[in-house]
Amino acid sequence: MGTMSGAGRSPQFLRCPSCLRRFELPGEHYPGLLQQCTSCGSTFRLHEALPWHEDQPQETNPASAGIAQLLDNPADSPDALPQPNATGQTYYSENVNAIWAMIALGGIALVAVSYMFFPFMDGPAFLIYYVVAGLGLLAGVQLLRFSVSGQDSFNVAGLVFFLLIGAARYIYGLNHDMHKWGYMTNIMFIGSMLFLVSMSSTNRRGDGGGRSGFFAAGNCTSCSSCSSCGGGCGGGCGGGCGGCG
């Protein structure tokens, strides 16, 4: 929307999005016009202001005194609007880069430590561990999403490390004559769906609706006999194969 003139029109009012102070719409304005409320000091673009209705109570002081324009020329095109502070952009970029470095190091460490403990986990124990690790990754990436501009790419990183743990278990099992991967495959599938669905979920709902299925998929009952689980799976029922079915 281009520059508009308020000549010949009755005053139009909006409200500060922070303190709800009413102010008069400038005579020349456009959606990106930068404003500062003189009541609470908050800074906002004109299109971020809240609507004001005539049935709402009016302030004692004139509304036109409640706002200050921060642009030298309100008729400037939106393309010429002041850009965010370069220092702030640099800080934000460095902050995101640091978070990505933390995710990469933490994810690699998690996969490596998991692999180191594979010899000490039979099938049921690994399934429980895999569910706990998956939920921990899912919760961690959600916290990062909501704290850093809701970046969905964090979900992708969490999903990658979640699947890497399963892939590492599979490689370990092949080298130790393990088999029966049904339960682990189900957990990998359900977990992947939770990571993907959570990318489009709202902040209010998150991923709470799918966790019961995650736990259910990871609930491994003991085998009826060790022979049914195969003798090459570490000497126990399930034997570290990642599943009992």
Protein backbone atom coordinates (compact mmCIF):
# COMPACT_ATOMS: atom_id res chain seq x y z
CA MET A 1 0.00 0.00 0.00
CA GLY A 2 1.46 3.32 -1.03
CA THR A 3 1.54 6.67 0.74
CA MET A 4 -1.92 7.99 1.63
CA SER A 5 -3.07 11.44 2.55
CA GLY A 6 -5.47 12.24 5.35
CA ALA A 7 -6.50 15.66 3.98
CA GLY A 8 -10.26 16.24 4.11
CA ARG A 9 -10.90 13.17 6.25
CA SER A 10 -11.99 12.88 9.86
CA PRO A 11 -9.24 11.73 12.23
CA GLN A 12 -8.55 8.03 12.29
CA PHE A 13 -7.14 6.35 15.37
CA LEU A 14 -5.08 3.28 16.20
CA ARG A 15 -3.70 1.89 19.44
CA CYS A 16 -0.18 1.18 20.64
CA PRO A 17 0.31 -2.63 20.60
CA SER A 18 2.13 -2.48 23.96
CA CYS A 19 0.23 -0.07 26.24
CA LEU A 20 -2.95 0.31 24.13
CA ARG A 21 -2.57 4.12 24.08
CA ARG A 22 -4.72 5.66 21.37
CA PHE A 23 -3.00 7.79 18.74
CA GLU A 24 -4.13 9.59 15.63
CA LEU A 25 -3.20 8.08 12.28
CA PRO A 26 -0.61 10.37 10.60
CA GLY A 27 -1.80 12.39 7.64
CA GLU A 28 0.77 10.72 5.38
CA HIS A 29 1.40 7.11 6.22
CA TYR A 30 2.05 3.61 4.92
CA PRO A 31 2.13 0.22 6.66
CA GLY A 32 5.87 0.21 7.38
CA LEU A 33 5.99 3.68 8.96
CA LEU A 34 8.10 3.47 12.11
CA GLN A 35 6.43 4.83 15.25
CA GLN A 36 7.33 5.22 18.91
CA CYS A 37 4.77 5.52 21.68
CA THR A 38 5.58 8.45 23.98
CA SER A 39 3.60 6.81 26.74
CA CYS A 40 5.41 3.46 27.07
CA GLY A 41 8.38 4.07 24.74
CA SER A 42 7.78 0.99 22.59
CA THR A 43 8.73 1.11 18.91
CA PHE A 44 6.61 -0.50 16.22
CA ARG A 45 5.65 -0.32 12.56
CA LEU A 46 2.33 1.25 11.69
CA HIS A 47 0.89 -2.02 10.40
CA GLU A 48 1.56 -3.56 13.83
CA ALA A 49 -0.71 -1.07 15.61
CA LEU A 50 -4.03 -2.32 17.00
CA PRO A 51 -7.41 -1.07 15.77
CA TRP A 52 -9.38 1.44 17.82
CA HIS A 53 -13.17 1.63 17.95
CA GLU A 54 -15.30 4.62 18.85
CA ASP A 55 -17.05 2.76 21.65
CA GLN A 56 -13.75 2.38 23.49
CA PRO A 57 -12.95 4.88 26.25
CA GLN A 58 -10.98 7.96 25.24
CA GLU A 59 -7.94 9.30 27.04
CA THR A 60 -7.98 12.68 28.72
CA ASN A 61 -4.87 13.85 26.89
CA PRO A 62 -4.97 14.43 23.14
CA ALA A 63 -4.29 11.22 21.27
CA SER A 64 -2.08 12.92 18.70
CA ALA A 65 0.50 13.63 21.40
CA GLY A 66 0.85 9.95 22.21
CA ILE A 67 2.97 8.96 19.23
CA ALA A 68 6.24 10.07 17.68
CA GLN A 69 7.32 9.35 14.13
CA LEU A 70 10.88 8.13 13.86
CA LEU A 71 11.28 8.75 10.13
CA ASP A 72 12.63 12.03 8.81
CA ASN A 73 10.30 11.84 5.82
CA PRO A 74 7.07 9.85 6.34
CA ALA A 75 6.50 9.80 2.58
CA ASP A 76 9.58 7.65 1.94
CA SER A 77 8.88 4.41 0.14
CA PRO A 78 8.83 1.20 2.23
CA ASP A 79 12.02 0.12 0.47
CA ALA A 80 13.80 3.08 2.06
CA LEU A 81 12.71 2.24 5.61
CA PRO A 82 15.49 2.01 8.19
CA GLN A 83 16.75 -1.54 8.44
CA PRO A 84 17.25 -3.35 11.75
CA ASN A 85 20.36 -2.41 13.63
CA ALA A 86 23.44 -4.06 12.11
CA THR A 87 24.80 -4.88 15.55
CA GLY A 88 21.57 -6.66 16.41
CA GLN A 89 21.67 -8.61 13.16
CA THR A 90 25.25 -9.66 13.82
CA TYR A 91 24.41 -10.74 17.36
CA TYR A 92 21.40 -12.73 16.15
CA SER A 93 23.45 -14.43 13.44
CA GLU A 94 26.22 -15.32 15.87
CA ASN A 95 23.65 -16.61 18.34
CA VAL A 96 22.06 -18.90 15.76
CA ASN A 97 25.47 -20.13 14.59
CA ALA A 98 26.41 -20.95 18.17
CA ILE A 99 23.17 -22.90 18.62
CA TRP A 100 23.81 -24.87 15.44
CA ALA A 101 27.32 -25.69 16.62
CA MET A 102 25.88 -26.86 19.94
CA ILE A 103 23.28 -29.01 18.15
CA ALA A 104 25.92 -30.60 15.90
CA LEU A 105 28.33 -31.38 18.74
CA GLY A 106 25.59 -32.57 21.07
CA GLY A 107 23.98 -34.77 18.42
CA ILE A 108 27.27 -36.39 17.39
CA ALA A 109 28.15 -36.97 21.05
CA LEU A 110 24.73 -38.56 21.68
CA VAL A 111 25.11 -40.97 18.76
CA ALA A 112 28.67 -41.86 19.76
CA VAL A 113 27.79 -42.46 23.42
CA SER A 114 24.76 -44.51 22.38
CA TYR A 115 26.95 -46.71 20.21
CA MET A 116 29.39 -47.22 23.09
CA PHE A 117 26.58 -48.49 25.33
CA PHE A 118 25.04 -50.84 22.74
CA PRO A 119 26.97 -53.89 24.06
CA PHE A 120 25.37 -53.39 27.48
CA MET A 121 21.77 -53.13 26.22
CA ASP A 122 19.63 -56.03 25.14
CA GLY A 123 16.59 -55.56 22.93
CA PRO A 124 14.03 -54.30 25.50
CA ALA A 125 16.60 -52.08 27.22
CA PHE A 126 17.58 -50.46 23.94
CA LEU A 127 13.96 -49.81 22.98
CA ILE A 128 13.36 -47.99 26.26
CA TYR A 129 16.56 -46.02 25.78
CA TYR A 130 15.62 -45.18 22.19
CA VAL A 131 12.22 -43.85 23.23
CA VAL A 132 13.73 -41.71 26.01
CA ALA A 133 16.44 -40.38 23.67
CA GLY A 134 13.85 -39.59 20.99
CA LEU A 135 11.59 -37.72 23.39
CA GLY A 136 14.59 -35.83 24.76
CA LEU A 137 15.61 -34.75 21.27
CA LEU A 138 12.06 -33.76 20.42
CA ALA A 139 11.66 -31.67 23.56
CA GLY A 140 15.05 -30.06 23.04
CA VAL A 141 14.42 -28.94 19.48
CA GLN A 142 11.00 -27.56 20.44
CA LEU A 143 12.60 -25.39 23.11
CA LEU A 144 15.13 -24.15 20.58
CA ARG A 145 12.40 -23.47 18.00
CA PHE A 146 10.40 -21.32 20.37
CA SER A 147 13.44 -19.44 21.68
CA VAL A 148 15.05 -18.69 18.30
CA SER A 149 12.35 -17.46 15.89
CA GLY A 150 10.67 -20.85 15.55
CA GLN A 151 13.20 -22.27 13.10
CA ASP A 152 11.79 -25.54 11.78
CA SER A 153 15.26 -26.60 10.65
CA PHE A 154 15.98 -27.50 14.29
CA ASN A 155 13.35 -30.25 13.97
CA VAL A 156 15.14 -31.62 10.93
CA ALA A 157 18.43 -31.74 12.86
CA GLY A 158 16.77 -33.55 15.76
CA LEU A 159 15.17 -36.04 13.37
CA VAL A 160 18.51 -36.73 11.69
CA PHE A 161 20.23 -37.57 14.99
CA PHE A 162 17.25 -39.64 16.10
CA LEU A 163 17.46 -41.75 12.95
CA LEU A 164 21.25 -41.97 13.22
CA ILE A 165 20.90 -43.70 16.60
CA GLY A 166 18.60 -46.28 15.01
CA ALA A 167 20.92 -46.70 12.03
CA ALA A 168 23.92 -47.14 14.33
CA ARG A 169 22.02 -49.82 16.27
CA TYR A 170 21.20 -51.59 13.03
CA ILE A 171 24.84 -51.56 11.89
CA TYR A 172 25.93 -52.79 15.30
CA GLY A 173 23.34 -55.57 15.13
CA LEU A 174 24.47 -56.74 11.70
CA ASN A 175 28.01 -57.05 13.02
CA HIS A 176 26.79 -59.08 16.01
CA ASP A 177 24.34 -61.43 14.27
CA MET A 178 21.23 -59.64 15.53
CA HIS A 179 17.81 -59.70 13.87
CA LYS A 180 14.11 -58.95 14.46
CA TRP A 181 13.96 -55.19 13.97
CA GLY A 182 10.19 -54.74 13.92
CA TYR A 183 9.76 -52.73 17.12
CA MET A 184 12.72 -50.47 16.44
CA THR A 185 11.45 -49.79 12.92
CA ASN A 186 8.05 -48.83 14.33
CA ILE A 187 9.65 -46.45 16.83
CA MET A 188 11.74 -44.86 14.07
CA PHE A 189 8.63 -44.35 11.93
CA ILE A 190 6.44 -42.94 14.70
CA GLY A 191 9.26 -40.76 15.99
CA SER A 192 9.88 -39.38 12.51
CA MET A 193 6.21 -38.49 12.19
CA LEU A 194 6.31 -36.65 15.52
CA PHE A 195 9.32 -34.59 14.46
CA LEU A 196 7.68 -33.68 11.14
CA VAL A 197 4.23 -32.97 12.59
CA SER A 198 5.69 -30.76 15.31
CA MET A 199 7.11 -28.45 12.64
CA SER A 200 3.60 -27.39 11.65
CA SER A 201 2.07 -27.51 15.12
CA THR A 202 1.24 -24.34 17.02
CA ASN A 203 3.10 -23.22 20.12
CA ARG A 204 0.01 -23.99 22.20
CA ARG A 205 -0.43 -27.58 21.10
CA GLY A 206 3.16 -28.66 20.44
CA ASP A 207 3.46 -32.43 20.01
CA GLY A 208 1.55 -33.63 23.06
CA GLY A 209 -1.04 -35.50 21.03
CA GLY A 210 1.41 -37.99 19.60
CA ARG A 211 3.58 -38.99 22.51
CA SER A 212 1.32 -41.74 23.75
CA GLY A 213 1.87 -43.53 20.46
CA PHE A 214 5.59 -43.05 20.84
CA PHE A 215 5.56 -44.71 24.24
CA ALA A 216 3.26 -47.45 23.04
CA ALA A 217 5.56 -48.29 20.15
CA GLY A 218 8.49 -48.53 22.53
CA ASN A 219 6.75 -50.86 24.98
CA CYS A 220 8.58 -54.13 24.49
CA THR A 221 7.24 -57.22 26.22
CA SER A 222 9.52 -60.09 26.99
CA CYS A 223 9.67 -63.03 24.60
CA SER A 224 7.97 -66.26 25.43
CA SER A 225 11.25 -68.09 25.05
CA CYS A 226 14.80 -67.18 24.29
CA SER A 227 14.81 -69.47 21.31
CA SER A 228 12.12 -67.37 19.63
CA CYS A 229 14.38 -64.33 19.73
CA GLY A 230 17.38 -66.00 18.20
CA GLY A 231 20.53 -67.19 19.90
CA GLY A 232 22.79 -64.66 18.22
CA CYS A 233 21.39 -61.59 19.93
CA GLY A 234 23.62 -61.28 22.92
CA GLY A 235 22.34 -64.27 24.89
CA GLY A 236 19.04 -62.76 26.07
CA CYS A 237 15.46 -62.46 24.95
CA GLY A 238 15.40 -59.73 22.30
CA GLY A 239 19.15 -59.81 22.69
CA GLY A 240 19.76 -56.21 21.66
CA CYS A 241 18.09 -56.63 18.30
CA GLY A 242 15.93 -53.60 18.94
CA GLY A 243 12.67 -55.53 19.13
CA CYS A 244 10.97 -58.66 20.38
CA GLY A 245 8.46 -59.23 17.59
